[in-house]
């Protein structure tokens, strides 16, 4: 594209290409940051659900003790 531009306007075209390049890099970095933030938020939510389930089930596990039968009491 730069080869088709007249010699007196090459510097102007090159400058606009560089501006566009920096804008594209900024947009790519911005979108990657958004993607990373959304991924970390999703993992945070998944871990919050999992430790909530574990917490509730561990409270329920405290009440699951059973009384030993007569044969088990004689063995101990």
N, C-alpha and C. Protein backbone atom coordinates (compact mmCIF):
# COMPACT_ATOMS: atom_id res chain seq x y z
N UNK A 1 0.82 -1.18 0.00
CA UNK A 1 0.00 0.00 0.00
C UNK A 1 0.87 1.25 0.00
N UNK A 2 1.95 1.21 0.72
CA UNK A 2 2.82 2.37 0.80
C UNK A 2 3.56 2.61 -0.52
N UNK A 3 3.74 1.54 -1.31
CA UNK A 3 4.45 1.67 -2.58
C UNK A 3 3.63 2.44 -3.62
N UNK A 4 2.32 2.46 -3.49
CA UNK A 4 1.47 3.15 -4.46
C UNK A 4 1.28 4.62 -4.14
N UNK A 5 1.76 5.06 -2.99
CA UNK A 5 1.57 6.45 -2.55
C UNK A 5 2.68 7.31 -3.16
N UNK A 6 2.35 8.50 -3.60
CA UNK A 6 3.40 9.39 -4.12
C UNK A 6 4.44 9.70 -3.04
N UNK A 7 5.66 9.98 -3.47
CA UNK A 7 6.78 10.18 -2.54
C UNK A 7 6.56 11.33 -1.57
N UNK A 8 5.87 12.36 -1.99
CA UNK A 8 5.70 13.52 -1.11
C UNK A 8 4.67 13.25 0.00
N UNK A 9 3.88 12.19 -0.09
CA UNK A 9 2.86 11.90 0.92
C UNK A 9 3.15 10.62 1.71
N UNK A 10 4.30 10.00 1.47
CA UNK A 10 4.62 8.76 2.16
C UNK A 10 4.75 8.95 3.66
N UNK A 11 5.34 10.03 4.08
CA UNK A 11 5.52 10.25 5.52
C UNK A 11 4.17 10.44 6.21
N UNK A 12 3.23 11.12 5.56
CA UNK A 12 1.91 11.33 6.13
C UNK A 12 1.16 9.99 6.22
N UNK A 13 1.23 9.18 5.18
CA UNK A 13 0.57 7.87 5.18
C UNK A 13 1.19 6.96 6.22
N UNK A 14 2.50 7.00 6.34
CA UNK A 14 3.19 6.19 7.33
C UNK A 14 2.79 6.61 8.74
N UNK A 15 2.64 7.90 8.97
CA UNK A 15 2.22 8.38 10.29
C UNK A 15 0.80 7.92 10.61
N UNK A 16 -0.10 7.98 9.66
CA UNK A 16 -1.47 7.53 9.92
C UNK A 16 -1.53 6.02 10.12
N UNK A 17 -0.70 5.29 9.40
CA UNK A 17 -0.64 3.83 9.60
C UNK A 17 -0.15 3.52 11.02
N UNK A 18 0.86 4.25 11.48
CA UNK A 18 1.36 4.02 12.83
C UNK A 18 0.31 4.38 13.89
N UNK A 19 -0.46 5.45 13.65
CA UNK A 19 -1.54 5.81 14.58
C UNK A 19 -2.58 4.71 14.63
N UNK A 20 -2.94 4.19 13.46
CA UNK A 20 -3.91 3.11 13.42
C UNK A 20 -3.38 1.86 14.12
N UNK A 21 -2.10 1.61 13.96
CA UNK A 21 -1.47 0.46 14.59
C UNK A 21 -1.53 0.57 16.11
N UNK A 22 -1.25 1.76 16.65
CA UNK A 22 -1.31 1.94 18.10
C UNK A 22 -2.74 1.83 18.61
N UNK A 23 -3.70 2.33 17.84
CA UNK A 23 -5.10 2.22 18.25
C UNK A 23 -5.56 0.76 18.26
N UNK A 24 -5.14 0.00 17.26
CA UNK A 24 -5.51 -1.42 17.20
C UNK A 24 -4.88 -2.17 18.36
N UNK A 25 -3.62 -1.88 18.68
CA UNK A 25 -2.97 -2.52 19.83
C UNK A 25 -3.70 -2.18 21.12
N UNK A 26 -4.13 -0.93 21.27
CA UNK A 26 -4.86 -0.52 22.46
C UNK A 26 -6.18 -1.28 22.58
N UNK A 27 -6.89 -1.40 21.46
CA UNK A 27 -8.17 -2.10 21.48
C UNK A 27 -7.97 -3.58 21.80
N UNK A 28 -6.94 -4.19 21.24
CA UNK A 28 -6.67 -5.61 21.52
C UNK A 28 -6.33 -5.80 23.00
N UNK A 29 -5.47 -4.95 23.55
CA UNK A 29 -5.12 -5.06 24.96
C UNK A 29 -6.33 -4.83 25.86
N UNK A 30 -7.17 -3.87 25.50
CA UNK A 30 -8.37 -3.58 26.28
C UNK A 30 -9.32 -4.78 26.27
N UNK A 31 -9.50 -5.38 25.11
CA UNK A 31 -10.40 -6.54 25.03
C UNK A 31 -9.82 -7.74 25.77
N UNK A 32 -8.50 -7.90 25.76
CA UNK A 32 -7.88 -8.99 26.51
C UNK A 32 -8.06 -8.78 28.01
N UNK A 33 -7.95 -7.53 28.46
CA UNK A 33 -8.16 -7.23 29.87
C UNK A 33 -9.60 -7.55 30.28
N UNK A 34 -10.55 -7.19 29.44
CA UNK A 34 -11.96 -7.49 29.74
C UNK A 34 -12.17 -9.00 29.81
N UNK A 35 -11.58 -9.71 28.85
CA UNK A 35 -11.73 -11.17 28.82
C UNK A 35 -11.14 -11.79 30.08
N UNK A 36 -9.97 -11.34 30.48
CA UNK A 36 -9.33 -11.89 31.68
C UNK A 36 -10.15 -11.59 32.94
N UNK A 37 -10.71 -10.39 33.03
CA UNK A 37 -11.53 -10.04 34.19
C UNK A 37 -12.79 -10.89 34.24
N UNK A 38 -13.41 -11.12 33.09
CA UNK A 38 -14.62 -11.94 33.06
C UNK A 38 -14.30 -13.40 33.40
N UNK A 39 -13.17 -13.91 32.92
CA UNK A 39 -12.77 -15.27 33.27
C UNK A 39 -12.52 -15.42 34.76
N UNK A 40 -11.82 -14.46 35.34
CA UNK A 40 -11.55 -14.56 36.78
C UNK A 40 -12.83 -14.44 37.59
N UNK A 41 -13.78 -13.62 37.11
CA UNK A 41 -15.06 -13.50 37.80
C UNK A 41 -15.82 -14.82 37.72
N UNK A 42 -15.77 -15.50 36.58
CA UNK A 42 -16.45 -16.78 36.43
C UNK A 42 -15.84 -17.83 37.35
N UNK A 43 -14.51 -17.88 37.46
CA UNK A 43 -13.88 -18.83 38.36
C UNK A 43 -14.19 -18.49 39.81
N UNK A 44 -14.24 -17.22 40.16
CA UNK A 44 -14.61 -16.83 41.52
C UNK A 44 -16.01 -17.32 41.86
N UNK A 45 -16.93 -17.18 40.91
CA UNK A 45 -18.30 -17.65 41.15
C UNK A 45 -18.34 -19.16 41.30
N UNK A 46 -17.57 -19.87 40.49
CA UNK A 46 -17.55 -21.33 40.58
C UNK A 46 -17.00 -21.77 41.93
N UNK A 47 -15.94 -21.13 42.39
CA UNK A 47 -15.39 -21.48 43.69
C UNK A 47 -16.33 -21.11 44.83
N UNK A 48 -17.04 -20.01 44.70
CA UNK A 48 -17.99 -19.62 45.74
C UNK A 48 -19.11 -20.65 45.85
N UNK A 49 -19.59 -21.14 44.74
CA UNK A 49 -20.62 -22.17 44.77
C UNK A 49 -20.08 -23.45 45.39
N UNK A 50 -18.88 -23.84 45.00
CA UNK A 50 -18.33 -25.10 45.51
C UNK A 50 -18.05 -25.03 47.00
N UNK A 51 -17.48 -23.95 47.50
CA UNK A 51 -17.23 -23.93 48.94
C UNK A 51 -18.50 -23.71 49.73
N UNK A 52 -19.53 -23.15 49.14
CA UNK A 52 -20.82 -23.06 49.83
C UNK A 52 -21.43 -24.45 49.98
N UNK A 53 -21.34 -25.26 48.93
CA UNK A 53 -21.85 -26.63 49.00
C UNK A 53 -21.09 -27.44 50.03
N UNK A 54 -19.77 -27.33 50.02
CA UNK A 54 -18.95 -28.07 50.99
C UNK A 54 -19.28 -27.63 52.42
N UNK A 55 -19.46 -26.34 52.63
CA UNK A 55 -19.77 -25.83 53.97
C UNK A 55 -21.11 -26.37 54.46
N UNK A 56 -22.11 -26.32 53.62
CA UNK A 56 -23.44 -26.81 54.02
C UNK A 56 -23.40 -28.30 54.30
N UNK A 57 -22.73 -29.06 53.43
CA UNK A 57 -22.67 -30.51 53.64
C UNK A 57 -21.83 -30.88 54.85
N UNK A 58 -20.81 -30.11 55.17
CA UNK A 58 -20.01 -30.43 56.35
C UNK A 58 -20.78 -30.14 57.64
N UNK A 59 -21.65 -29.15 57.63
CA UNK A 59 -22.51 -28.93 58.80
C UNK A 59 -23.47 -30.10 58.96
N UNK A 60 -24.02 -30.56 57.85
CA UNK A 60 -24.91 -31.71 57.90
C UNK A 60 -24.19 -32.97 58.33
N UNK A 61 -22.91 -33.08 58.01
CA UNK A 61 -22.14 -34.28 58.38
C UNK A 61 -21.96 -34.39 59.89
N UNK A 62 -22.04 -33.29 60.61
CA UNK A 62 -21.91 -33.36 62.07
C UNK A 62 -23.06 -34.12 62.72
N UNK A 63 -24.19 -34.17 62.06
CA UNK A 63 -25.37 -34.81 62.63
C UNK A 63 -25.62 -36.20 62.07
N UNK A 64 -24.66 -36.79 61.42
CA UNK A 64 -24.87 -38.12 60.82
C UNK A 64 -24.28 -39.24 61.66
N UNK A 65 -23.84 -38.96 62.86
CA UNK A 65 -23.32 -40.03 63.72
C UNK A 65 -24.46 -40.98 64.08
N UNK A 66 -24.15 -42.26 64.12
CA UNK A 66 -25.17 -43.22 64.52
C UNK A 66 -24.73 -43.87 65.82
N UNK A 67 -25.71 -44.34 66.53
CA UNK A 67 -25.42 -45.00 67.80
C UNK A 67 -24.92 -46.41 67.51
N UNK A 68 -23.89 -46.85 68.23
CA UNK A 68 -23.37 -48.21 67.98
C UNK A 68 -24.38 -49.27 68.45
N UNK A 69 -24.39 -50.37 67.73
CA UNK A 69 -25.27 -51.47 68.11
C UNK A 69 -24.66 -52.21 69.29
N UNK A 70 -25.41 -53.16 69.85
CA UNK A 70 -24.94 -53.92 71.02
C UNK A 70 -23.68 -54.71 70.70
N UNK A 71 -23.60 -55.30 69.52
CA UNK A 71 -22.42 -56.11 69.17
C UNK A 71 -21.20 -55.20 68.99
N UNK A 72 -21.40 -54.01 68.49
CA UNK A 72 -20.28 -53.09 68.34
C UNK A 72 -19.81 -52.56 69.69
N UNK A 73 -20.70 -52.42 70.66
CA UNK A 73 -20.31 -51.95 71.99
C UNK A 73 -19.50 -52.99 72.73
N UNK A 74 -19.81 -54.26 72.52
CA UNK A 74 -19.06 -55.31 73.21
C UNK A 74 -17.67 -55.46 72.62
N UNK A 75 -17.49 -55.15 71.34
CA UNK A 75 -16.15 -55.25 70.74
C UNK A 75 -15.24 -54.14 71.22
N UNK A 76 -15.76 -53.01 71.52
CA UNK A 76 -14.94 -51.87 71.89
C UNK A 76 -14.54 -51.86 73.32
